[in-house]
N, C-alpha and C. Protein backbone atom coordinates (compact mmCIF):
# COMPACT_ATOMS: atom_id res chain seq x y z
N MET A 1 -16.25 -19.46 -64.67
CA MET A 1 -17.52 -19.76 -64.03
C MET A 1 -17.49 -21.20 -63.52
N ASP A 2 -17.91 -21.40 -62.29
CA ASP A 2 -17.90 -22.72 -61.66
C ASP A 2 -19.15 -23.49 -62.09
N THR A 3 -18.98 -24.59 -62.81
CA THR A 3 -20.13 -25.37 -63.25
C THR A 3 -20.29 -26.66 -62.46
N TYR A 4 -19.37 -26.97 -61.58
CA TYR A 4 -19.46 -28.20 -60.79
C TYR A 4 -20.59 -28.05 -59.78
N PRO A 5 -21.45 -29.01 -59.55
CA PRO A 5 -21.53 -30.35 -60.14
C PRO A 5 -22.44 -30.43 -61.37
N ASN A 6 -22.64 -29.39 -62.10
CA ASN A 6 -23.40 -29.29 -63.35
C ASN A 6 -24.82 -29.84 -63.26
N ASP A 7 -25.29 -30.55 -64.29
CA ASP A 7 -26.69 -30.98 -64.32
C ASP A 7 -26.91 -32.38 -63.76
N SER A 8 -25.90 -32.93 -63.16
CA SER A 8 -25.99 -34.32 -62.69
C SER A 8 -26.81 -34.42 -61.40
N THR A 9 -26.89 -35.65 -60.90
CA THR A 9 -27.58 -35.92 -59.64
C THR A 9 -26.60 -35.93 -58.47
N LEU A 10 -25.34 -35.63 -58.75
CA LEU A 10 -24.29 -35.71 -57.73
C LEU A 10 -24.54 -34.77 -56.55
N ILE A 11 -24.27 -35.28 -55.35
CA ILE A 11 -24.33 -34.46 -54.13
C ILE A 11 -23.03 -34.70 -53.37
N THR A 12 -22.35 -33.63 -53.00
CA THR A 12 -21.17 -33.75 -52.14
C THR A 12 -21.36 -32.85 -50.94
N TRP A 13 -20.75 -33.23 -49.82
CA TRP A 13 -20.84 -32.38 -48.64
C TRP A 13 -19.63 -32.58 -47.75
N LYS A 14 -19.41 -31.60 -46.89
CA LYS A 14 -18.33 -31.66 -45.93
C LYS A 14 -18.89 -31.23 -44.57
N ALA A 15 -18.63 -32.04 -43.56
CA ALA A 15 -19.05 -31.72 -42.19
C ALA A 15 -17.96 -30.87 -41.54
N CYS A 16 -18.37 -29.81 -40.85
CA CYS A 16 -17.41 -28.88 -40.25
C CYS A 16 -17.83 -28.52 -38.83
N LEU A 17 -16.84 -28.14 -38.02
CA LEU A 17 -17.10 -27.71 -36.65
C LEU A 17 -16.03 -26.69 -36.27
N SER A 18 -16.49 -25.54 -35.77
CA SER A 18 -15.54 -24.51 -35.35
C SER A 18 -15.90 -24.02 -33.95
N LYS A 19 -14.92 -23.38 -33.34
CA LYS A 19 -15.13 -22.78 -32.02
C LYS A 19 -15.62 -21.36 -32.22
N LYS A 20 -16.81 -21.05 -31.71
CA LYS A 20 -17.40 -19.72 -31.89
C LYS A 20 -16.99 -18.78 -30.76
N ALA A 21 -16.87 -19.33 -29.56
CA ALA A 21 -16.47 -18.58 -28.37
C ALA A 21 -16.01 -19.61 -27.34
N THR A 22 -15.63 -19.17 -26.17
CA THR A 22 -15.22 -20.09 -25.12
C THR A 22 -16.34 -21.08 -24.84
N ARG A 23 -16.05 -22.36 -24.99
CA ARG A 23 -16.99 -23.46 -24.75
C ARG A 23 -18.24 -23.39 -25.62
N VAL A 24 -18.15 -22.76 -26.79
CA VAL A 24 -19.28 -22.71 -27.72
C VAL A 24 -18.85 -23.28 -29.06
N GLY A 25 -19.53 -24.35 -29.50
CA GLY A 25 -19.23 -24.98 -30.77
C GLY A 25 -20.22 -24.55 -31.84
N HIS A 26 -19.74 -24.48 -33.09
CA HIS A 26 -20.58 -24.06 -34.22
C HIS A 26 -20.48 -25.11 -35.34
N PRO A 27 -21.43 -26.06 -35.39
CA PRO A 27 -21.42 -27.06 -36.44
C PRO A 27 -22.03 -26.51 -37.73
N TYR A 28 -21.51 -26.96 -38.88
CA TYR A 28 -22.10 -26.55 -40.16
C TYR A 28 -21.69 -27.54 -41.25
N ALA A 29 -22.34 -27.40 -42.40
CA ALA A 29 -22.06 -28.25 -43.55
C ALA A 29 -21.87 -27.38 -44.78
N ILE A 30 -20.97 -27.81 -45.66
CA ILE A 30 -20.79 -27.18 -46.97
C ILE A 30 -21.31 -28.19 -47.99
N VAL A 31 -22.31 -27.80 -48.78
CA VAL A 31 -23.01 -28.73 -49.65
C VAL A 31 -23.01 -28.25 -51.10
N SER A 32 -22.77 -29.17 -52.03
CA SER A 32 -22.92 -28.92 -53.46
C SER A 32 -23.84 -30.00 -54.03
N MET A 33 -24.75 -29.58 -54.93
CA MET A 33 -25.71 -30.51 -55.52
C MET A 33 -25.89 -30.21 -56.99
N GLY A 34 -25.95 -31.27 -57.80
CA GLY A 34 -26.24 -31.11 -59.21
C GLY A 34 -27.69 -30.71 -59.43
N LYS A 35 -27.96 -30.18 -60.59
CA LYS A 35 -29.29 -29.66 -60.92
C LYS A 35 -30.38 -30.72 -60.78
N LYS A 36 -30.06 -31.99 -61.03
CA LYS A 36 -31.06 -33.06 -61.01
C LYS A 36 -30.99 -33.90 -59.74
N HIS A 37 -30.48 -33.34 -58.66
CA HIS A 37 -30.36 -34.12 -57.43
C HIS A 37 -31.73 -34.54 -56.90
N PRO A 38 -31.78 -35.65 -56.15
CA PRO A 38 -33.06 -36.11 -55.60
C PRO A 38 -33.51 -35.25 -54.44
N LYS A 39 -34.80 -35.34 -54.11
CA LYS A 39 -35.32 -34.66 -52.92
C LYS A 39 -34.67 -35.31 -51.71
N CYS A 40 -34.33 -34.50 -50.73
CA CYS A 40 -33.65 -35.05 -49.56
C CYS A 40 -33.76 -34.08 -48.39
N LYS A 41 -33.22 -34.49 -47.28
CA LYS A 41 -33.10 -33.66 -46.07
C LYS A 41 -31.63 -33.65 -45.67
N ILE A 42 -31.16 -32.51 -45.17
CA ILE A 42 -29.80 -32.38 -44.68
C ILE A 42 -29.87 -32.35 -43.15
N LEU A 43 -29.26 -33.33 -42.50
CA LEU A 43 -29.25 -33.41 -41.04
C LEU A 43 -27.84 -33.12 -40.54
N ILE A 44 -27.73 -32.10 -39.69
CA ILE A 44 -26.45 -31.71 -39.09
C ILE A 44 -26.53 -31.98 -37.59
N THR A 45 -25.66 -32.87 -37.08
CA THR A 45 -25.64 -33.15 -35.64
C THR A 45 -24.21 -33.00 -35.11
N ALA A 46 -24.11 -32.53 -33.89
CA ALA A 46 -22.83 -32.49 -33.18
C ALA A 46 -22.96 -33.44 -32.00
N VAL A 47 -21.90 -34.23 -31.77
CA VAL A 47 -21.93 -35.23 -30.72
C VAL A 47 -20.66 -35.19 -29.88
N THR A 48 -20.76 -35.77 -28.68
CA THR A 48 -19.61 -35.89 -27.78
C THR A 48 -18.87 -37.19 -28.12
N THR A 49 -17.75 -37.43 -27.44
CA THR A 49 -17.01 -38.68 -27.65
C THR A 49 -17.86 -39.89 -27.25
N GLY A 50 -18.81 -39.71 -26.35
CA GLY A 50 -19.73 -40.78 -25.95
C GLY A 50 -20.96 -40.86 -26.83
N GLU A 51 -20.96 -40.14 -27.95
CA GLU A 51 -22.03 -40.10 -28.94
C GLU A 51 -23.33 -39.49 -28.42
N LYS A 52 -23.24 -38.65 -27.40
CA LYS A 52 -24.41 -37.90 -26.93
C LYS A 52 -24.62 -36.72 -27.90
N ILE A 53 -25.85 -36.58 -28.41
CA ILE A 53 -26.15 -35.48 -29.33
C ILE A 53 -26.30 -34.18 -28.55
N VAL A 54 -25.52 -33.17 -28.94
CA VAL A 54 -25.58 -31.86 -28.27
C VAL A 54 -26.15 -30.78 -29.19
N SER A 55 -26.31 -31.10 -30.47
CA SER A 55 -26.85 -30.15 -31.44
C SER A 55 -27.45 -30.92 -32.60
N LYS A 56 -28.62 -30.47 -33.07
CA LYS A 56 -29.27 -31.14 -34.20
C LYS A 56 -30.09 -30.12 -34.97
N LYS A 57 -29.94 -30.12 -36.30
CA LYS A 57 -30.72 -29.23 -37.15
C LYS A 57 -30.94 -29.91 -38.49
N VAL A 58 -32.16 -29.76 -39.03
CA VAL A 58 -32.53 -30.38 -40.30
C VAL A 58 -32.95 -29.30 -41.29
N TYR A 59 -32.46 -29.44 -42.51
CA TYR A 59 -32.85 -28.55 -43.60
C TYR A 59 -33.45 -29.39 -44.73
N SER A 60 -34.42 -28.84 -45.44
CA SER A 60 -34.88 -29.45 -46.68
C SER A 60 -33.86 -29.10 -47.76
N CYS A 61 -33.57 -30.04 -48.64
CA CYS A 61 -32.64 -29.75 -49.72
C CYS A 61 -33.26 -28.71 -50.66
N PRO A 62 -32.45 -27.83 -51.19
CA PRO A 62 -32.95 -26.82 -52.12
C PRO A 62 -33.27 -27.47 -53.47
N THR A 63 -33.99 -26.76 -54.30
CA THR A 63 -34.22 -27.25 -55.66
C THR A 63 -33.13 -26.66 -56.55
N GLY A 64 -32.79 -27.41 -57.58
CA GLY A 64 -31.79 -26.92 -58.53
C GLY A 64 -30.37 -27.08 -58.03
N LYS A 65 -29.46 -26.50 -58.79
CA LYS A 65 -28.03 -26.62 -58.53
C LYS A 65 -27.60 -25.73 -57.37
N VAL A 66 -26.72 -26.27 -56.54
CA VAL A 66 -26.15 -25.52 -55.42
C VAL A 66 -24.65 -25.80 -55.41
N VAL A 67 -23.83 -24.78 -55.27
CA VAL A 67 -22.38 -24.97 -55.22
C VAL A 67 -21.85 -24.35 -53.93
N ASN A 68 -21.27 -25.20 -53.08
CA ASN A 68 -20.63 -24.77 -51.83
C ASN A 68 -21.53 -23.91 -50.95
N LYS A 69 -22.78 -24.33 -50.78
CA LYS A 69 -23.71 -23.61 -49.91
C LYS A 69 -23.47 -24.04 -48.47
N ARG A 70 -23.46 -23.06 -47.58
CA ARG A 70 -23.23 -23.33 -46.16
C ARG A 70 -24.56 -23.44 -45.43
N TYR A 71 -24.70 -24.52 -44.67
CA TYR A 71 -25.86 -24.75 -43.82
C TYR A 71 -25.38 -24.78 -42.38
N ASN A 72 -25.84 -23.84 -41.57
CA ASN A 72 -25.40 -23.75 -40.17
C ASN A 72 -26.24 -24.65 -39.29
N GLY A 73 -25.55 -25.38 -38.40
CA GLY A 73 -26.23 -26.16 -37.38
C GLY A 73 -26.57 -25.27 -36.20
N THR A 74 -27.08 -25.87 -35.15
CA THR A 74 -27.41 -25.13 -33.93
C THR A 74 -26.17 -25.07 -33.04
N ASP A 75 -25.76 -23.85 -32.65
CA ASP A 75 -24.61 -23.69 -31.75
C ASP A 75 -24.90 -24.38 -30.42
N PHE A 76 -23.84 -24.87 -29.78
CA PHE A 76 -24.01 -25.55 -28.50
C PHE A 76 -22.92 -25.12 -27.53
N HIS A 77 -23.19 -25.31 -26.25
CA HIS A 77 -22.24 -25.01 -25.17
C HIS A 77 -21.75 -26.33 -24.60
N GLY A 78 -20.48 -26.41 -24.29
CA GLY A 78 -19.96 -27.63 -23.71
C GLY A 78 -18.47 -27.57 -23.48
N LYS A 79 -17.96 -28.62 -22.86
CA LYS A 79 -16.54 -28.75 -22.57
C LYS A 79 -16.12 -30.16 -22.94
N GLY A 80 -15.01 -30.30 -23.65
CA GLY A 80 -14.53 -31.61 -24.05
C GLY A 80 -14.42 -31.74 -25.55
N GLN A 81 -14.46 -32.98 -26.04
CA GLN A 81 -14.28 -33.29 -27.45
C GLN A 81 -15.64 -33.42 -28.15
N PHE A 82 -15.75 -32.79 -29.34
CA PHE A 82 -16.99 -32.84 -30.10
C PHE A 82 -16.66 -33.04 -31.58
N THR A 83 -17.63 -33.61 -32.31
CA THR A 83 -17.50 -33.74 -33.76
C THR A 83 -18.87 -33.51 -34.39
N THR A 84 -18.88 -33.18 -35.68
CA THR A 84 -20.12 -32.96 -36.42
C THR A 84 -20.29 -34.06 -37.45
N PHE A 85 -21.51 -34.60 -37.54
CA PHE A 85 -21.89 -35.55 -38.59
C PHE A 85 -22.91 -34.88 -39.49
N VAL A 86 -22.82 -35.12 -40.78
CA VAL A 86 -23.82 -34.63 -41.74
C VAL A 86 -24.36 -35.84 -42.50
N HIS A 87 -25.68 -35.99 -42.50
CA HIS A 87 -26.36 -37.08 -43.19
C HIS A 87 -27.30 -36.49 -44.23
N MET A 88 -27.42 -37.16 -45.35
CA MET A 88 -28.37 -36.78 -46.40
C MET A 88 -29.46 -37.86 -46.44
N TYR A 89 -30.64 -37.53 -45.93
CA TYR A 89 -31.75 -38.48 -45.95
C TYR A 89 -32.48 -38.43 -47.27
N GLY A 90 -32.82 -39.59 -47.80
CA GLY A 90 -33.52 -39.67 -49.07
C GLY A 90 -32.58 -39.83 -50.25
N VAL A 91 -31.29 -39.96 -49.98
CA VAL A 91 -30.30 -40.11 -51.04
C VAL A 91 -29.73 -41.52 -50.98
N THR A 92 -29.80 -42.25 -52.10
CA THR A 92 -29.29 -43.62 -52.11
C THR A 92 -27.88 -43.69 -52.67
N THR A 93 -27.51 -42.76 -53.55
CA THR A 93 -26.14 -42.70 -54.05
C THR A 93 -25.65 -41.28 -53.93
N GLU A 94 -24.45 -41.12 -53.49
CA GLU A 94 -23.92 -39.77 -53.31
C GLU A 94 -22.41 -39.76 -53.44
N GLY A 95 -21.89 -38.57 -53.67
CA GLY A 95 -20.45 -38.36 -53.55
C GLY A 95 -20.25 -37.65 -52.23
N ASN A 96 -19.30 -38.07 -51.46
CA ASN A 96 -19.17 -37.53 -50.12
C ASN A 96 -17.73 -37.13 -49.83
N LEU A 97 -17.53 -35.86 -49.50
CA LEU A 97 -16.18 -35.39 -49.17
C LEU A 97 -15.79 -35.75 -47.74
N SER A 98 -16.70 -35.55 -46.81
CA SER A 98 -16.39 -35.83 -45.41
C SER A 98 -17.67 -35.90 -44.60
N PRO A 99 -18.10 -37.11 -44.17
CA PRO A 99 -19.33 -37.23 -43.40
C PRO A 99 -19.18 -36.75 -41.96
N ARG A 100 -17.92 -36.68 -41.48
CA ARG A 100 -17.68 -36.29 -40.08
C ARG A 100 -16.53 -35.29 -40.05
N SER A 101 -16.70 -34.28 -39.20
CA SER A 101 -15.63 -33.28 -39.04
C SER A 101 -14.53 -33.85 -38.15
N PRO A 102 -13.35 -33.22 -38.17
CA PRO A 102 -12.32 -33.57 -37.17
C PRO A 102 -12.85 -33.23 -35.76
N TRP A 103 -12.29 -33.88 -34.77
CA TRP A 103 -12.69 -33.60 -33.39
C TRP A 103 -12.24 -32.20 -33.00
N LEU A 104 -13.08 -31.51 -32.23
CA LEU A 104 -12.78 -30.18 -31.72
C LEU A 104 -12.81 -30.24 -30.21
N ASN A 105 -11.76 -29.72 -29.56
CA ASN A 105 -11.69 -29.69 -28.11
C ASN A 105 -12.12 -28.32 -27.61
N LEU A 106 -13.25 -28.27 -26.90
CA LEU A 106 -13.71 -27.03 -26.30
C LEU A 106 -13.32 -27.04 -24.82
N HIS A 107 -12.69 -25.96 -24.39
CA HIS A 107 -12.32 -25.85 -22.98
C HIS A 107 -12.28 -24.42 -22.55
C-alpha cells in the first residue's frame, strides 16, 4: 500500500506536456499531497518560448491525502515550442519534483 506522502504537509508535483494531436498540446500536472497540506490553488499554464500564455487552468486543492492525482490543463492549438508551468498558490514550503515540463515542439 502506498502511504507517501502520509500525514505530513508535504506537497510534490510534476509539470507535464504531451502532444494530443497535430498542433494540439495537452498540459497537465501530477500532484501528491500529505493529509495535513495547506489550502492552496493549483495553477497549470502552458507558454511559448516568448512566454506568451496559451493555456491556463486553476484547480482548488483537494482536502486530505492525494497520491499521484492528475490535473488536466486546457488543451491548446499552436505551432512551435511550448512548455507547462505548475504553481501552487498559498503554499510557502513545498517539495517540488518539476515546476516546468520539458519543451514540446508542435508542428
